[in-house]
Amino acid sequence: MELIGVVNDARTALNGVNILLDEIQNGDGTLTKLMQDSVLYENMNIMVEEAGRLVENIQEHPNRYLQFAIFGGKDKGFLSSKDEKIVKKWVKDTLRDRMD
């Protein structure tokens, strides 16, 4: 009796796989397009490779991509560049003193 249940479960699973394969082969979803359109497939591969290189570059050179501003961007005109340098130095010195 247990063998019949296993066979029925396997038959159900195979039917599900067949439905999925049919939808991939005859459907119009993303997976179907990727499998049938070689240009789209190649473009996706290139995009993934470039994204990987970008992540590596960000990890190696975070200052190129991430900016730190105490009082916002320079275009706000809240502080003169001289005053901004003084405040940045004070913050760095204060943080360094707290870390020591």
C-alpha atoms as a PDB file:
ATOM      1  CA  MET A   1       0.000   0.000   0.000  1.00  0.00           C
ATOM      2  CA  GLU A   2       2.827   2.419   0.752  1.00  0.00           C
ATOM      3  CA  LEU A   3       4.348   1.800  -2.696  1.00  0.00           C
ATOM      4  CA  ILE A   4       1.135   2.948  -4.369  1.00  0.00           C
ATOM      5  CA  GLY A   5       1.300   6.248  -2.468  1.00  0.00           C
ATOM      6  CA  VAL A   6       4.921   6.781  -3.508  1.00  0.00           C
ATOM      7  CA  VAL A   7       4.069   6.066  -7.139  1.00  0.00           C
ATOM      8  CA  ASN A   8       1.119   8.473  -7.009  1.00  0.00           C
ATOM      9  CA  ASP A   9       3.296  11.192  -5.439  1.00  0.00           C
ATOM     10  CA  ALA A  10       5.930  10.660  -8.127  1.00  0.00           C
ATOM     11  CA  ARG A  11       3.271  10.828 -10.845  1.00  0.00           C
ATOM     12  CA  THR A  12       1.943  14.103  -9.385  1.00  0.00           C
ATOM     13  CA  ALA A  13       5.450  15.560  -9.194  1.00  0.00           C
ATOM     14  CA  LEU A  14       6.207  14.562 -12.795  1.00  0.00           C
ATOM     15  CA  ASN A  15       2.965  16.130 -13.967  1.00  0.00           C
ATOM     16  CA  GLY A  16       3.993  19.374 -12.239  1.00  0.00           C
ATOM     17  CA  VAL A  17       7.422  19.256 -13.904  1.00  0.00           C
ATOM     18  CA  ASN A  18       5.806  18.628 -17.297  1.00  0.00           C
ATOM     19  CA  ILE A  19       3.498  21.620 -16.823  1.00  0.00           C
ATOM     20  CA  LEU A  20       6.443  23.811 -15.827  1.00  0.00           C
ATOM     21  CA  LEU A  21       8.536  22.686 -18.812  1.00  0.00           C
ATOM     22  CA  ASP A  22       5.612  23.292 -21.172  1.00  0.00           C
ATOM     23  CA  GLU A  23       5.148  26.812 -19.802  1.00  0.00           C
ATOM     24  CA  ILE A  24       8.868  27.520 -20.231  1.00  0.00           C
ATOM     25  CA  GLN A  25       8.898  26.184 -23.774  1.00  0.00           C
ATOM     26  CA  ASN A  26       5.635  27.751 -24.949  1.00  0.00           C
ATOM     27  CA  GLY A  27       5.098  30.665 -22.599  1.00  0.00           C
ATOM     28  CA  ASP A  28       6.059  34.307 -22.815  1.00  0.00           C
ATOM     29  CA  GLY A  29       7.623  34.822 -19.379  1.00  0.00           C
ATOM     30  CA  THR A  30      11.128  36.003 -18.562  1.00  0.00           C
ATOM     31  CA  LEU A  31      12.615  32.521 -18.333  1.00  0.00           C
ATOM     32  CA  THR A  32      11.197  31.627 -21.750  1.00  0.00           C
ATOM     33  CA  LYS A  33      12.591  34.808 -23.264  1.00  0.00           C
ATOM     34  CA  LEU A  34      16.003  34.161 -21.721  1.00  0.00           C
ATOM     35  CA  MET A  35      16.061  30.638 -23.129  1.00  0.00           C
ATOM     36  CA  GLN A  36      14.863  31.614 -26.602  1.00  0.00           C
ATOM     37  CA  ASP A  37      16.537  35.001 -27.172  1.00  0.00           C
ATOM     38  CA  SER A  38      20.319  34.635 -27.327  1.00  0.00           C
ATOM     39  CA  VAL A  39      20.866  38.419 -27.485  1.00  0.00           C
ATOM     40  CA  LEU A  40      18.883  38.941 -24.289  1.00  0.00           C
ATOM     41  CA  TYR A  41      20.771  36.058 -22.665  1.00  0.00           C
ATOM     42  CA  GLU A  42      24.159  37.536 -23.641  1.00  0.00           C
ATOM     43  CA  ASN A  43      23.116  41.011 -22.472  1.00  0.00           C
ATOM     44  CA  MET A  44      22.069  39.567 -19.103  1.00  0.00           C
ATOM     45  CA  ASN A  45      25.443  37.828 -18.764  1.00  0.00           C
ATOM     46  CA  ILE A  46      27.290  41.059 -19.582  1.00  0.00           C
ATOM     47  CA  MET A  47      25.174  42.996 -17.101  1.00  0.00           C
ATOM     48  CA  VAL A  48      25.860  40.491 -14.313  1.00  0.00           C
ATOM     49  CA  GLU A  49      29.613  40.556 -15.026  1.00  0.00           C
ATOM     50  CA  GLU A  50      29.681  44.370 -15.022  1.00  0.00           C
ATOM     51  CA  ALA A  51      27.683  44.508 -11.788  1.00  0.00           C
ATOM     52  CA  GLY A  52      30.211  42.149 -10.206  1.00  0.00           C
ATOM     53  CA  ARG A  53      33.107  44.363 -11.329  1.00  0.00           C
ATOM     54  CA  LEU A  54      31.308  47.428  -9.974  1.00  0.00           C
ATOM     55  CA  VAL A  55      30.824  45.797  -6.570  1.00  0.00           C
ATOM     56  CA  GLU A  56      34.509  44.834  -6.462  1.00  0.00           C
ATOM     57  CA  ASN A  57      35.506  48.390  -7.397  1.00  0.00           C
ATOM     58  CA  ILE A  58      33.256  49.856  -4.703  1.00  0.00           C
ATOM     59  CA  GLN A  59      34.846  47.525  -2.146  1.00  0.00           C
ATOM     60  CA  GLU A  60      38.363  48.495  -3.257  1.00  0.00           C
ATOM     61  CA  HIS A  61      37.694  52.245  -3.605  1.00  0.00           C
ATOM     62  CA  PRO A  62      34.662  53.207  -1.477  1.00  0.00           C
ATOM     63  CA  ASN A  63      35.642  56.897  -1.418  1.00  0.00           C
ATOM     64  CA  ARG A  64      34.977  57.127  -5.145  1.00  0.00           C
ATOM     65  CA  TYR A  65      31.332  56.240  -4.601  1.00  0.00           C
ATOM     66  CA  LEU A  66      30.440  57.188  -1.028  1.00  0.00           C
ATOM     67  CA  GLN A  67      30.661  60.773   0.156  1.00  0.00           C
ATOM     68  CA  PHE A  68      30.445  61.929   3.751  1.00  0.00           C
ATOM     69  CA  ALA A  69      29.193  65.410   4.584  1.00  0.00           C
ATOM     70  CA  ILE A  70      28.618  66.659   8.108  1.00  0.00           C
ATOM     71  CA  PHE A  71      26.123  69.384   7.238  1.00  0.00           C
ATOM     72  CA  GLY A  72      24.966  68.245   3.823  1.00  0.00           C
ATOM     73  CA  GLY A  73      26.267  69.027   0.379  1.00  0.00           C
ATOM     74  CA  LYS A  74      28.483  71.980  -0.459  1.00  0.00           C
ATOM     75  CA  ASP A  75      25.746  73.682  -2.469  1.00  0.00           C
ATOM     76  CA  LYS A  76      23.744  74.656   0.621  1.00  0.00           C
ATOM     77  CA  GLY A  77      26.114  77.458   1.567  1.00  0.00           C
ATOM     78  CA  PHE A  78      25.598  76.925   5.295  1.00  0.00           C
ATOM     79  CA  LEU A  79      29.307  77.206   6.060  1.00  0.00           C
ATOM     80  CA  SER A  80      32.153  78.772   4.186  1.00  0.00           C
ATOM     81  CA  SER A  81      34.753  76.320   2.925  1.00  0.00           C
ATOM     82  CA  LYS A  82      37.164  77.591   5.614  1.00  0.00           C
ATOM     83  CA  ASP A  83      34.601  77.059   8.390  1.00  0.00           C
ATOM     84  CA  GLU A  84      33.678  73.654   6.978  1.00  0.00           C
ATOM     85  CA  LYS A  85      37.354  72.579   7.137  1.00  0.00           C
ATOM     86  CA  ILE A  86      37.557  73.757  10.763  1.00  0.00           C
ATOM     87  CA  VAL A  87      34.419  71.810  11.715  1.00  0.00           C
ATOM     88  CA  LYS A  88      35.611  68.668   9.901  1.00  0.00           C
ATOM     89  CA  LYS A  89      38.981  68.847  11.673  1.00  0.00           C
ATOM     90  CA  TRP A  90      37.246  69.318  15.025  1.00  0.00           C
ATOM     91  CA  VAL A  91      34.971  66.302  14.378  1.00  0.00           C
ATOM     92  CA  LYS A  92      37.899  64.108  13.302  1.00  0.00           C
ATOM     93  CA  ASP A  93      39.955  65.156  16.332  1.00  0.00           C
ATOM     94  CA  THR A  94      37.020  64.583  18.673  1.00  0.00           C
ATOM     95  CA  LEU A  95      36.333  61.143  17.233  1.00  0.00           C
ATOM     96  CA  ARG A  96      40.009  60.212  17.350  1.00  0.00           C
ATOM     97  CA  ASP A  97      40.239  61.309  21.022  1.00  0.00           C
ATOM     98  CA  ARG A  98      37.213  59.186  21.894  1.00  0.00           C
ATOM     99  CA  MET A  99      38.693  56.142  20.148  1.00  0.00           C
ATOM    100  CA  ASP A 100      42.008  56.445  22.045  1.00  0.00           C
END
